[in-house]
Amino acid sequence: FATIDYHCRLKGAQCLAYPPVVAGGNRANTLHYIVNNQRILDGDLVLVDAGAMFAGYVSDITRTWPVNGVFTDIQSRIYNLVESVQHACLTVIEPGMPLNDLNSAMQTV
């Protein structure tokens, strides 16, 4: 928490947008997990959901990576699938586009 806050403020943020969510393993499946009292094990993924407030703008970013630095085969395949959907959405999105249209485009990947 403190490290995320420090780096956000170092880049000019006034404060965090919300308390960061940091979860590992199966706990990353719990929406807004905040208990943070269990070890993250070798082979687990760690999820960080954090945001900062800057000049009235509230950001939000979520990232997941393997705690040991190496994805398992299934983790890698899922990561690559999600990344390909993200890239496909970025190629079609435009200002004013209805969310339903973006959702439809996403489902074709």
PDB file of N, CA and C in Angstrom:
ATOM      1  N   PHE A   1       0.843  -1.190   0.000  1.00  0.00           N
ATOM      2  CA  PHE A   1       0.000   0.000   0.000  1.00  0.00           C
ATOM      3  C   PHE A   1       0.880   1.243   0.000  1.00  0.00           C
ATOM      4  N   ALA A   2       1.833   1.307   0.923  1.00  0.00           N
ATOM      5  CA  ALA A   2       2.677   2.501   1.046  1.00  0.00           C
ATOM      6  C   ALA A   2       3.539   2.716  -0.198  1.00  0.00           C
ATOM      7  N   THR A   3       4.027   1.633  -0.788  1.00  0.00           N
ATOM      8  CA  THR A   3       4.864   1.765  -1.983  1.00  0.00           C
ATOM      9  C   THR A   3       4.065   2.309  -3.155  1.00  0.00           C
ATOM     10  N   ILE A   4       2.844   1.820  -3.314  1.00  0.00           N
ATOM     11  CA  ILE A   4       1.977   2.313  -4.392  1.00  0.00           C
ATOM     12  C   ILE A   4       1.667   3.789  -4.164  1.00  0.00           C
ATOM     13  N   ASP A   5       1.320   4.141  -2.939  1.00  0.00           N
ATOM     14  CA  ASP A   5       1.020   5.530  -2.600  1.00  0.00           C
ATOM     15  C   ASP A   5       2.238   6.421  -2.874  1.00  0.00           C
ATOM     16  N   TYR A   6       3.410   5.971  -2.453  1.00  0.00           N
ATOM     17  CA  TYR A   6       4.639   6.739  -2.646  1.00  0.00           C
ATOM     18  C   TYR A   6       4.888   7.021  -4.127  1.00  0.00           C
ATOM     19  N   HIS A   7       4.803   5.984  -4.955  1.00  0.00           N
ATOM     20  CA  HIS A   7       5.105   6.161  -6.374  1.00  0.00           C
ATOM     21  C   HIS A   7       4.051   7.007  -7.081  1.00  0.00           C
ATOM     22  N   CYS A   8       2.800   6.886  -6.677  1.00  0.00           N
ATOM     23  CA  CYS A   8       1.761   7.747  -7.269  1.00  0.00           C
ATOM     24  C   CYS A   8       2.019   9.210  -6.929  1.00  0.00           C
ATOM     25  N   ARG A   9       2.338   9.490  -5.682  1.00  0.00           N
ATOM     26  CA  ARG A   9       2.601  10.871  -5.264  1.00  0.00           C
ATOM     27  C   ARG A   9       3.890  11.408  -5.890  1.00  0.00           C
ATOM     28  N   LEU A  10       4.873  10.528  -6.063  1.00  0.00           N
ATOM     29  CA  LEU A  10       6.131  10.924  -6.692  1.00  0.00           C
ATOM     30  C   LEU A  10       5.887  11.435  -8.115  1.00  0.00           C
ATOM     31  N   LYS A  11       4.878  10.877  -8.779  1.00  0.00           N
ATOM     32  CA  LYS A  11       4.538  11.288 -10.148  1.00  0.00           C
ATOM     33  C   LYS A  11       3.513  12.420 -10.183  1.00  0.00           C
ATOM     34  N   GLY A  12       3.120  12.950  -8.998  1.00  0.00           N
ATOM     35  CA  GLY A  12       2.263  14.120  -8.972  1.00  0.00           C
ATOM     36  C   GLY A  12       0.829  13.900  -8.521  1.00  0.00           C
ATOM     37  N   ALA A  13       0.462  12.676  -8.196  1.00  0.00           N
ATOM     38  CA  ALA A  13      -0.903  12.428  -7.724  1.00  0.00           C
ATOM     39  C   ALA A  13      -1.135  13.096  -6.372  1.00  0.00           C
ATOM     40  N   GLN A  14      -2.367  13.578  -6.171  1.00  0.00           N
ATOM     41  CA  GLN A  14      -2.705  14.168  -4.879  1.00  0.00           C
ATOM     42  C   GLN A  14      -2.906  13.092  -3.813  1.00  0.00           C
ATOM     43  N   CYS A  15      -3.468  11.942  -4.228  1.00  0.00           N
ATOM     44  CA  CYS A  15      -3.732  10.852  -3.299  1.00  0.00           C
ATOM     45  C   CYS A  15      -4.096   9.609  -4.099  1.00  0.00           C
ATOM     46  N   LEU A  16      -4.236   8.498  -3.419  1.00  0.00           N
ATOM     47  CA  LEU A  16      -4.741   7.297  -4.070  1.00  0.00           C
ATOM     48  C   LEU A  16      -6.231   7.464  -4.327  1.00  0.00           C
ATOM     49  N   ALA A  17      -6.722   6.858  -5.388  1.00  0.00           N
ATOM     50  CA  ALA A  17      -8.143   6.937  -5.713  1.00  0.00           C
ATOM     51  C   ALA A  17      -8.965   6.064  -4.777  1.00  0.00           C
ATOM     52  N   TYR A  18      -8.360   4.997  -4.295  1.00  0.00           N
ATOM     53  CA  TYR A  18      -9.024   4.041  -3.394  1.00  0.00           C
ATOM     54  C   TYR A  18      -7.931   3.164  -2.799  1.00  0.00           C
ATOM     55  N   PRO A  19      -8.217   2.458  -1.713  1.00  0.00           N
ATOM     56  CA  PRO A  19      -7.195   1.565  -1.162  1.00  0.00           C
ATOM     57  C   PRO A  19      -6.841   0.482  -2.189  1.00  0.00           C
ATOM     58  N   PRO A  20      -5.561   0.271  -2.466  1.00  0.00           N
ATOM     59  CA  PRO A  20      -5.180  -0.732  -3.461  1.00  0.00           C
ATOM     60  C   PRO A  20      -5.614  -2.132  -3.051  1.00  0.00           C
ATOM     61  N   VAL A  21      -5.945  -2.927  -4.046  1.00  0.00           N
ATOM     62  CA  VAL A  21      -6.259  -4.337  -3.838  1.00  0.00           C
ATOM     63  C   VAL A  21      -5.033  -5.119  -4.287  1.00  0.00           C
ATOM     64  N   VAL A  22      -4.481  -5.927  -3.395  1.00  0.00           N
ATOM     65  CA  VAL A  22      -3.362  -6.800  -3.721  1.00  0.00           C
ATOM     66  C   VAL A  22      -3.753  -8.184  -3.243  1.00  0.00           C
ATOM     67  N   ALA A  23      -3.817  -9.136  -4.178  1.00  0.00           N
ATOM     68  CA  ALA A  23      -4.267 -10.476  -3.824  1.00  0.00           C
ATOM     69  C   ALA A  23      -3.502 -11.507  -4.631  1.00  0.00           C
ATOM     70  N   GLY A  24      -3.277 -12.648  -4.020  1.00  0.00           N
ATOM     71  CA  GLY A  24      -2.565 -13.713  -4.712  1.00  0.00           C
ATOM     72  C   GLY A  24      -3.361 -14.995  -4.744  1.00  0.00           C
ATOM     73  N   GLY A  25      -3.036 -15.813  -5.717  1.00  0.00           N
ATOM     74  CA  GLY A  25      -3.689 -17.113  -5.829  1.00  0.00           C
ATOM     75  C   GLY A  25      -5.194 -16.976  -5.997  1.00  0.00           C
ATOM     76  N   ASN A  26      -5.936 -17.855  -5.370  1.00  0.00           N
ATOM     77  CA  ASN A  26      -7.393 -17.879  -5.485  1.00  0.00           C
ATOM     78  C   ASN A  26      -8.049 -16.621  -4.920  1.00  0.00           C
ATOM     79  N   ARG A  27      -7.355 -15.931  -4.019  1.00  0.00           N
ATOM     80  CA  ARG A  27      -7.923 -14.725  -3.410  1.00  0.00           C
ATOM     81  C   ARG A  27      -8.064 -13.596  -4.427  1.00  0.00           C
ATOM     82  N   ALA A  28      -7.349 -13.677  -5.539  1.00  0.00           N
ATOM     83  CA  ALA A  28      -7.466 -12.663  -6.587  1.00  0.00           C
ATOM     84  C   ALA A  28      -8.828 -12.731  -7.273  1.00  0.00           C
ATOM     85  N   ASN A  29      -9.559 -13.815  -7.044  1.00  0.00           N
ATOM     86  CA  ASN A  29     -10.902 -13.954  -7.608  1.00  0.00           C
ATOM     87  C   ASN A  29     -11.966 -13.244  -6.774  1.00  0.00           C
ATOM     88  N   THR A  30     -11.594 -12.779  -5.590  1.00  0.00           N
ATOM     89  CA  THR A  30     -12.541 -12.103  -4.702  1.00  0.00           C
ATOM     90  C   THR A  30     -12.533 -10.609  -5.010  1.00  0.00           C
ATOM     91  N   LEU A  31     -13.683 -10.100  -5.425  1.00  0.00           N
ATOM     92  CA  LEU A  31     -13.802  -8.687  -5.764  1.00  0.00           C
ATOM     93  C   LEU A  31     -13.454  -7.822  -4.545  1.00  0.00           C
ATOM     94  N   HIS A  32     -12.555  -6.892  -4.725  1.00  0.00           N
ATOM     95  CA  HIS A  32     -12.140  -5.944  -3.681  1.00  0.00           C
ATOM     96  C   HIS A  32     -11.564  -6.645  -2.450  1.00  0.00           C
ATOM     97  N   TYR A  33     -10.793  -7.699  -2.674  1.00  0.00           N
ATOM     98  CA  TYR A  33     -10.138  -8.435  -1.596  1.00  0.00           C
ATOM     99  C   TYR A  33      -9.202  -7.509  -0.832  1.00  0.00           C
ATOM    100  N   ILE A  34      -9.329  -7.473   0.491  1.00  0.00           N
ATOM    101  CA  ILE A  34      -8.468  -6.581   1.284  1.00  0.00           C
ATOM    102  C   ILE A  34      -7.874  -7.240   2.522  1.00  0.00           C
ATOM    103  N   VAL A  35      -8.124  -8.514   2.750  1.00  0.00           N
ATOM    104  CA  VAL A  35      -7.650  -9.152   3.982  1.00  0.00           C
ATOM    105  C   VAL A  35      -6.124  -9.185   4.032  1.00  0.00           C
ATOM    106  N   ASN A  36      -5.482  -9.621   2.955  1.00  0.00           N
ATOM    107  CA  ASN A  36      -4.021  -9.595   2.815  1.00  0.00           C
ATOM    108  C   ASN A  36      -3.265 -10.186   3.994  1.00  0.00           C
ATOM    109  N   ASN A  37      -3.694 -11.370   4.434  1.00  0.00           N
ATOM    110  CA  ASN A  37      -3.008 -11.998   5.556  1.00  0.00           C
ATOM    111  C   ASN A  37      -2.490 -13.393   5.215  1.00  0.00           C
ATOM    112  N   GLN A  38      -2.393 -13.712   3.930  1.00  0.00           N
ATOM    113  CA  GLN A  38      -1.933 -15.031   3.533  1.00  0.00           C
ATOM    114  C   GLN A  38      -0.741 -14.904   2.602  1.00  0.00           C
ATOM    115  N   ARG A  39       0.108 -15.913   2.622  1.00  0.00           N
ATOM    116  CA  ARG A  39       1.283 -15.923   1.757  1.00  0.00           C
ATOM    117  C   ARG A  39       0.882 -16.158   0.308  1.00  0.00           C
ATOM    118  N   ILE A  40       1.616 -15.530  -0.577  1.00  0.00           N
ATOM    119  CA  ILE A  40       1.475 -15.786  -2.004  1.00  0.00           C
ATOM    120  C   ILE A  40       2.525 -16.838  -2.339  1.00  0.00           C
ATOM    121  N   LEU A  41       2.086 -17.936  -2.912  1.00  0.00           N
ATOM    122  CA  LEU A  41       2.946 -19.087  -3.106  1.00  0.00           C
ATOM    123  C   LEU A  41       3.574 -19.131  -4.494  1.00  0.00           C
ATOM    124  N   ASP A  42       4.680 -19.843  -4.586  1.00  0.00           N
ATOM    125  CA  ASP A  42       5.343 -20.075  -5.866  1.00  0.00           C
ATOM    126  C   ASP A  42       4.325 -20.679  -6.840  1.00  0.00           C
ATOM    127  N   GLY A  43       4.227 -20.109  -8.019  1.00  0.00           N
ATOM    128  CA  GLY A  43       3.258 -20.582  -9.002  1.00  0.00           C
ATOM    129  C   GLY A  43       1.955 -19.804  -8.997  1.00  0.00           C
ATOM    130  N   ASP A  44       1.701 -19.031  -7.921  1.00  0.00           N
ATOM    131  CA  ASP A  44       0.502 -18.200  -7.857  1.00  0.00           C
ATOM    132  C   ASP A  44       0.656 -16.969  -8.744  1.00  0.00           C
ATOM    133  N   LEU A  45      -0.468 -16.408  -9.106  1.00  0.00           N
ATOM    134  CA  LEU A  45      -0.482 -15.094  -9.740  1.00  0.00           C
ATOM    135  C   LEU A  45      -0.783 -14.071  -8.665  1.00  0.00           C
ATOM    136  N   VAL A  46      -0.238 -12.880  -8.803  1.00  0.00           N
ATOM    137  CA  VAL A  46      -0.558 -11.781  -7.898  1.00  0.00           C
ATOM    138  C   VAL A  46      -1.302 -10.723  -8.715  1.00  0.00           C
ATOM    139  N   LEU A  47      -2.363 -10.201  -8.138  1.00  0.00           N
ATOM    140  CA  LEU A  47      -3.179  -9.171  -8.777  1.00  0.00           C
ATOM    141  C   LEU A  47      -3.033  -7.882  -7.989  1.00  0.00           C
ATOM    142  N   VAL A  48      -2.807  -6.783  -8.698  1.00  0.00           N
ATOM    143  CA  VAL A  48      -2.784  -5.460  -8.074  1.00  0.00           C
ATOM    144  C   VAL A  48      -3.787  -4.586  -8.816  1.00  0.00           C
ATOM    145  N   ASP A  49      -4.702  -4.012  -8.072  1.00  0.00           N
ATOM    146  CA  ASP A  49      -5.697  -3.077  -8.601  1.00  0.00           C
ATOM    147  C   ASP A  49      -5.500  -1.784  -7.822  1.00  0.00           C
ATOM    148  N   ALA A  50      -5.076  -0.737  -8.508  1.00  0.00           N
ATOM    149  CA  ALA A  50      -4.757   0.508  -7.817  1.00  0.00           C
ATOM    150  C   ALA A  50      -5.122   1.700  -8.694  1.00  0.00           C
ATOM    151  N   GLY A  51      -5.218   2.841  -8.076  1.00  0.00           N
ATOM    152  CA  GLY A  51      -5.517   4.055  -8.820  1.00  0.00           C
ATOM    153  C   GLY A  51      -5.081   5.278  -8.040  1.00  0.00           C
ATOM    154  N   ALA A  52      -4.943   6.378  -8.747  1.00  0.00           N
ATOM    155  CA  ALA A  52      -4.517   7.632  -8.130  1.00  0.00           C
ATOM    156  C   ALA A  52      -5.405   8.764  -8.627  1.00  0.00           C
ATOM    157  N   MET A  53      -5.432   9.842  -7.847  1.00  0.00           N
ATOM    158  CA  MET A  53      -6.172  11.034  -8.251  1.00  0.00           C
ATOM    159  C   MET A  53      -5.162  12.104  -8.661  1.00  0.00           C
ATOM    160  N   PHE A  54      -5.391  12.657  -9.861  1.00  0.00           N
ATOM    161  CA  PHE A  54      -4.509  13.690 -10.381  1.00  0.00           C
ATOM    162  C   PHE A  54      -5.353  14.743 -11.087  1.00  0.00           C
ATOM    163  N   ALA A  55      -5.319  15.952 -10.580  1.00  0.00           N
ATOM    164  CA  ALA A  55      -6.017  17.091 -11.189  1.00  0.00           C
ATOM    165  C   ALA A  55      -7.486  16.784 -11.483  1.00  0.00           C
ATOM    166  N   GLY A  56      -8.140  16.128 -10.551  1.00  0.00           N
ATOM    167  CA  GLY A  56      -9.557  15.816 -10.703  1.00  0.00           C
ATOM    168  C   GLY A  56      -9.844  14.541 -11.464  1.00  0.00           C
ATOM    169  N   TYR A  57      -8.812  13.910 -12.035  1.00  0.00           N
ATOM    170  CA  TYR A  57      -8.975  12.654 -12.767  1.00  0.00           C
ATOM    171  C   TYR A  57      -8.664  11.499 -11.834  1.00  0.00           C
ATOM    172  N   VAL A  58      -9.545  10.513 -11.804  1.00  0.00           N
ATOM    173  CA  VAL A  58      -9.339   9.332 -10.978  1.00  0.00           C
ATOM    174  C   VAL A  58      -9.010   8.160 -11.891  1.00  0.00           C
ATOM    175  N   SER A  59      -7.850   7.602 -11.707  1.00  0.00           N
ATOM    176  CA  SER A  59      -7.401   6.496 -12.557  1.00  0.00           C
ATOM    177  C   SER A  59      -7.692   5.153 -11.888  1.00  0.00           C
ATOM    178  N   ASP A  60      -7.585   4.111 -12.680  1.00  0.00           N
ATOM    179  CA  ASP A  60      -7.797   2.753 -12.189  1.00  0.00           C
ATOM    180  C   ASP A  60      -7.041   1.820 -13.120  1.00  0.00           C
ATOM    181  N   ILE A  61      -6.175   0.997 -12.558  1.00  0.00           N
ATOM    182  CA  ILE A  61      -5.416   0.042 -13.364  1.00  0.00           C
ATOM    183  C   ILE A  61      -5.344  -1.277 -12.601  1.00  0.00           C
ATOM    184  N   THR A  62      -5.465  -2.354 -13.334  1.00  0.00           N
ATOM    185  CA  THR A  62      -5.362  -3.682 -12.740  1.00  0.00           C
ATOM    186  C   THR A  62      -4.335  -4.468 -13.541  1.00  0.00           C
ATOM    187  N   ARG A  63      -3.432  -5.118 -12.849  1.00  0.00           N
ATOM    188  CA  ARG A  63      -2.410  -5.940 -13.494  1.00  0.00           C
ATOM    189  C   ARG A  63      -2.257  -7.245 -12.723  1.00  0.00           C
ATOM    190  N   THR A  64      -1.903  -8.294 -13.448  1.00  0.00           N
ATOM    191  CA  THR A  64      -1.665  -9.612 -12.855  1.00  0.00           C
ATOM    192  C   THR A  64      -0.379 -10.170 -13.435  1.00  0.00           C
ATOM    193  N   TRP A  65       0.447 -10.762 -12.587  1.00  0.00           N
ATOM    194  CA  TRP A  65       1.670 -11.382 -13.053  1.00  0.00           C
ATOM    195  C   TRP A  65       2.037 -12.532 -12.125  1.00  0.00           C
ATOM    196  N   PRO A  66       2.884 -13.444 -12.606  1.00  0.00           N
ATOM    197  CA  PRO A  66       3.290 -14.581 -11.771  1.00  0.00           C
ATOM    198  C   PRO A  66       4.264 -14.129 -10.687  1.00  0.00           C
ATOM    199  N   VAL A  67       4.002 -14.557  -9.471  1.00  0.00           N
ATOM    200  CA  VAL A  67       4.833 -14.122  -8.351  1.00  0.00           C
ATOM    201  C   VAL A  67       6.279 -14.595  -8.508  1.00  0.00           C
ATOM    202  N   ASN A  68       6.484 -15.727  -9.177  1.00  0.00           N
ATOM    203  CA  ASN A  68       7.852 -16.228  -9.361  1.00  0.00           C
ATOM    204  C   ASN A  68       8.471 -15.758 -10.671  1.00  0.00           C
ATOM    205  N   GLY A  69       7.728 -14.917 -11.430  1.00  0.00           N
ATOM    206  CA  GLY A  69       8.264 -14.357 -12.663  1.00  0.00           C
ATOM    207  C   GLY A  69       8.032 -15.200 -13.907  1.00  0.00           C
ATOM    208  N   VAL A  70       7.439 -16.388 -13.760  1.00  0.00           N
ATOM    209  CA  VAL A  70       7.237 -17.277 -14.908  1.00  0.00           C
ATOM    210  C   VAL A  70       5.796 -17.783 -14.921  1.00  0.00           C
ATOM    211  N   PHE A  71       5.093 -17.532 -16.029  1.00  0.00           N
ATOM    212  CA  PHE A  71       3.747 -18.059 -16.176  1.00  0.00           C
ATOM    213  C   PHE A  71       3.803 -19.571 -16.405  1.00  0.00           C
ATOM    214  N   THR A  72       2.831 -20.295 -15.837  1.00  0.00           N
ATOM    215  CA  THR A  72       2.658 -21.693 -16.229  1.00  0.00           C
ATOM    216  C   THR A  72       2.079 -21.688 -17.632  1.00  0.00           C
ATOM    217  N   ASP A  73       2.011 -22.844 -18.278  1.00  0.00           N
ATOM    218  CA  ASP A  73       1.486 -22.918 -19.637  1.00  0.00           C
ATOM    219  C   ASP A  73       0.049 -22.391 -19.698  1.00  0.00           C
ATOM    220  N   ILE A  74      -0.809 -22.831 -18.797  1.00  0.00           N
ATOM    221  CA  ILE A  74      -2.215 -22.398 -18.831  1.00  0.00           C
ATOM    222  C   ILE A  74      -2.329 -20.915 -18.486  1.00  0.00           C
ATOM    223  N   GLN A  75      -1.538 -20.437 -17.519  1.00  0.00           N
ATOM    224  CA  GLN A  75      -1.549 -19.007 -17.184  1.00  0.00           C
ATOM    225  C   GLN A  75      -1.126 -18.180 -18.392  1.00  0.00           C
ATOM    226  N   SER A  76      -0.120 -18.636 -19.094  1.00  0.00           N
ATOM    227  CA  SER A  76       0.371 -17.919 -20.278  1.00  0.00           C
ATOM    228  C   SER A  76      -0.683 -17.892 -21.374  1.00  0.00           C
ATOM    229  N   ARG A  77      -1.352 -18.998 -21.599  1.00  0.00           N
ATOM    230  CA  ARG A  77      -2.386 -19.042 -22.641  1.00  0.00           C
ATOM    231  C   ARG A  77      -3.541 -18.105 -22.308  1.00  0.00           C
ATOM    232  N   ILE A  78      -3.960 -18.088 -21.051  1.00  0.00           N
ATOM    233  CA  ILE A  78      -5.054 -17.199 -20.652  1.00  0.00           C
ATOM    234  C   ILE A  78      -4.610 -15.738 -20.747  1.00  0.00           C
ATOM    235  N   TYR A  79      -3.406 -15.438 -20.270  1.00  0.00           N
ATOM    236  CA  TYR A  79      -2.877 -14.074 -20.355  1.00  0.00           C
ATOM    237  C   TYR A  79      -2.861 -13.596 -21.805  1.00  0.00           C
ATOM    238  N   ASN A  80      -2.348 -14.436 -22.697  1.00  0.00           N
ATOM    239  CA  ASN A  80      -2.267 -14.066 -24.110  1.00  0.00           C
ATOM    240  C   ASN A  80      -3.644 -13.890 -24.734  1.00  0.00           C
ATOM    241  N   LEU A  81      -4.599 -14.704 -24.342  1.00  0.00           N
ATOM    242  CA  LEU A  81      -5.963 -14.565 -24.842  1.00  0.00           C
ATOM    243  C   LEU A  81      -6.566 -13.233 -24.408  1.00  0.00           C
ATOM    244  N   VAL A  82      -6.436 -12.913 -23.131  1.00  0.00           N
ATOM    245  CA  VAL A  82      -6.971 -11.646 -22.620  1.00  0.00           C
ATOM    246  C   VAL A  82      -6.272 -10.467 -23.295  1.00  0.00           C
ATOM    247  N   GLU A  83      -4.965 -10.577 -23.480  1.00  0.00           N
ATOM    248  CA  GLU A  83      -4.222  -9.504 -24.140  1.00  0.00           C
ATOM    249  C   GLU A  83      -4.676  -9.324 -25.589  1.00  0.00           C
ATOM    250  N   SER A  84      -4.958 -10.415 -26.282  1.00  0.00           N
ATOM    251  CA  SER A  84      -5.410 -10.295 -27.670  1.00  0.00           C
ATOM    252  C   SER A  84      -6.781  -9.639 -27.756  1.00  0.00           C
ATOM    253  N   VAL A  85      -7.644  -9.916 -26.790  1.00  0.00           N
ATOM    254  CA  VAL A  85      -8.957  -9.256 -26.756  1.00  0.00           C
ATOM    255  C   VAL A  85      -8.768  -7.760 -26.505  1.00  0.00           C
ATOM    256  N   GLN A  86      -7.890  -7.414 -25.581  1.00  0.00           N
ATOM    257  CA  GLN A  86      -7.627  -6.001 -25.303  1.00  0.00           C
ATOM    258  C   GLN A  86      -7.126  -5.283 -26.558  1.00  0.00           C
ATOM    259  N   HIS A  87      -6.170  -5.875 -27.244  1.00  0.00           N
ATOM    260  CA  HIS A  87      -5.626  -5.238 -28.453  1.00  0.00           C
ATOM    261  C   HIS A  87      -6.691  -5.113 -29.536  1.00  0.00           C
ATOM    262  N   ALA A  88      -7.531  -6.127 -29.676  1.00  0.00           N
ATOM    263  CA  ALA A  88      -8.605  -6.062 -30.672  1.00  0.00           C
ATOM    264  C   ALA A  88      -9.572  -4.929 -30.341  1.00  0.00           C
ATOM    265  N   CYS A  89      -9.902  -4.759 -29.077  1.00  0.00           N
ATOM    266  CA  CYS A  89     -10.795  -3.674 -28.667  1.00  0.00           C
ATOM    267  C   CYS A  89     -10.167  -2.313 -28.942  1.00  0.00           C
ATOM    268  N   LEU A  90      -8.874  -2.197 -28.706  1.00  0.00           N
ATOM    269  CA  LEU A  90      -8.196  -0.925 -28.948  1.00  0.00           C
ATOM    270  C   LEU A  90      -8.170  -0.543 -30.425  1.00  0.00           C
ATOM    271  N   THR A  91      -8.259  -1.532 -31.322  1.00  0.00           N
ATOM    272  CA  THR A  91      -8.248  -1.220 -32.751  1.00  0.00           C
ATOM    273  C   THR A  91      -9.603  -0.729 -33.246  1.00  0.00           C
ATOM    274  N   VAL A  92     -10.689  -1.022 -32.513  1.00  0.00           N
ATOM    275  CA  VAL A  92     -12.018  -0.627 -32.996  1.00  0.00           C
ATOM    276  C   VAL A  92     -12.659   0.498 -32.191  1.00  0.00           C
ATOM    277  N   ILE A  93     -12.177   0.729 -30.996  1.00  0.00           N
ATOM    278  CA  ILE A  93     -12.831   1.728 -30.143  1.00  0.00           C
ATOM    279  C   ILE A  93     -12.609   3.136 -30.702  1.00  0.00           C
ATOM    280  N   GLU A  94     -13.626   3.968 -30.536  1.00  0.00           N
ATOM    281  CA  GLU A  94     -13.538   5.359 -30.971  1.00  0.00           C
ATOM    282  C   GLU A  94     -14.438   6.203 -30.075  1.00  0.00           C
ATOM    283  N   PRO A  95     -14.183   7.492 -30.006  1.00  0.00           N
ATOM    284  CA  PRO A  95     -15.000   8.362 -29.155  1.00  0.00           C
ATOM    285  C   PRO A  95     -16.482   8.236 -29.497  1.00  0.00           C
ATOM    286  N   GLY A  96     -17.296   8.141 -28.468  1.00  0.00           N
ATOM    287  CA  GLY A  96     -18.741   8.072 -28.639  1.00  0.00           C
ATOM    288  C   GLY A  96     -19.275   6.686 -28.958  1.00  0.00           C
ATOM    289  N   MET A  97     -18.399   5.712 -29.078  1.00  0.00           N
ATOM    290  CA  MET A  97     -18.831   4.352 -29.417  1.00  0.00           C
ATOM    291  C   MET A  97     -19.658   3.766 -28.273  1.00  0.00           C
ATOM    292  N   PRO A  98     -20.844   3.254 -28.570  1.00  0.00           N
ATOM    293  CA  PRO A  98     -21.647   2.628 -27.507  1.00  0.00           C
ATOM    294  C   PRO A  98     -20.935   1.401 -26.943  1.00  0.00           C
ATOM    295  N   LEU A  99     -21.045   1.211 -25.649  1.00  0.00           N
ATOM    296  CA  LEU A  99     -20.405   0.086 -24.982  1.00  0.00           C
ATOM    297  C   LEU A  99     -20.874  -1.241 -25.573  1.00  0.00           C
ATOM    298  N   ASN A 100     -22.130  -1.333 -25.977  1.00  0.00           N
ATOM    299  CA  ASN A 100     -22.636  -2.563 -26.584  1.00  0.00           C
ATOM    300  C   ASN A 100     -21.881  -2.905 -27.868  1.00  0.00           C
ATOM    301  N   ASP A 101     -21.530  -1.889 -28.655  1.00  0.00           N
ATOM    302  CA  ASP A 101     -20.774  -2.133 -29.891  1.00  0.00           C
ATOM    303  C   ASP A 101     -19.371  -2.662 -29.569  1.00  0.00           C
ATOM    304  N   LEU A 102     -18.739  -2.076 -28.556  1.00  0.00           N
ATOM    305  CA  LEU A 102     -17.421  -2.534 -28.155  1.00  0.00           C
ATOM    306  C   LEU A 102     -17.497  -3.970 -27.635  1.00  0.00           C
ATOM    307  N   ASN A 103     -18.533  -4.248 -26.857  1.00  0.00           N
ATOM    308  CA  ASN A 103     -18.737  -5.596 -26.329  1.00  0.00           C
ATOM    309  C   ASN A 103     -18.909  -6.601 -27.473  1.00  0.00           C
ATOM    310  N   SER A 104     -19.681  -6.231 -28.472  1.00  0.00           N
ATOM    311  CA  SER A 104     -19.890  -7.104 -29.626  1.00  0.00           C
ATOM    312  C   SER A 104     -18.571  -7.377 -30.355  1.00  0.00           C
ATOM    313  N   ALA A 105     -17.781  -6.336 -30.538  1.00  0.00           N
ATOM    314  CA  ALA A 105     -16.475  -6.495 -31.207  1.00  0.00           C
ATOM    315  C   ALA A 105     -15.573  -7.405 -30.386  1.00  0.00           C
ATOM    316  N   MET A 106     -15.599  -7.262 -29.077  1.00  0.00           N
ATOM    317  CA  MET A 106     -14.766  -8.062 -28.195  1.00  0.00           C
ATOM    318  C   MET A 106     -15.114  -9.546 -28.325  1.00  0.00           C
ATOM    319  N   GLN A 107     -16.373  -9.848 -28.483  1.00  0.00           N
ATOM    320  CA  GLN A 107     -16.807 -11.245 -28.515  1.00  0.00           C
ATOM    321  C   GLN A 107     -16.435 -11.955 -29.813  1.00  0.00           C
ATOM    322  N   THR A 108     -15.985 -11.213 -30.818  1.00  0.00           N
ATOM    323  CA  THR A 108     -15.596 -11.845 -32.078  1.00  0.00           C
ATOM    324  C   THR A 108     -14.150 -12.329 -32.065  1.00  0.00           C
ATOM    325  N   VAL A 109     -13.390 -11.949 -31.055  1.00  0.00           N
ATOM    326  CA  VAL A 109     -11.970 -12.341 -30.987  1.00  0.00           C
ATOM    327  C   VAL A 109     -11.860 -13.800 -30.581  1.00  0.00           C
TER     328      VAL A 109
END
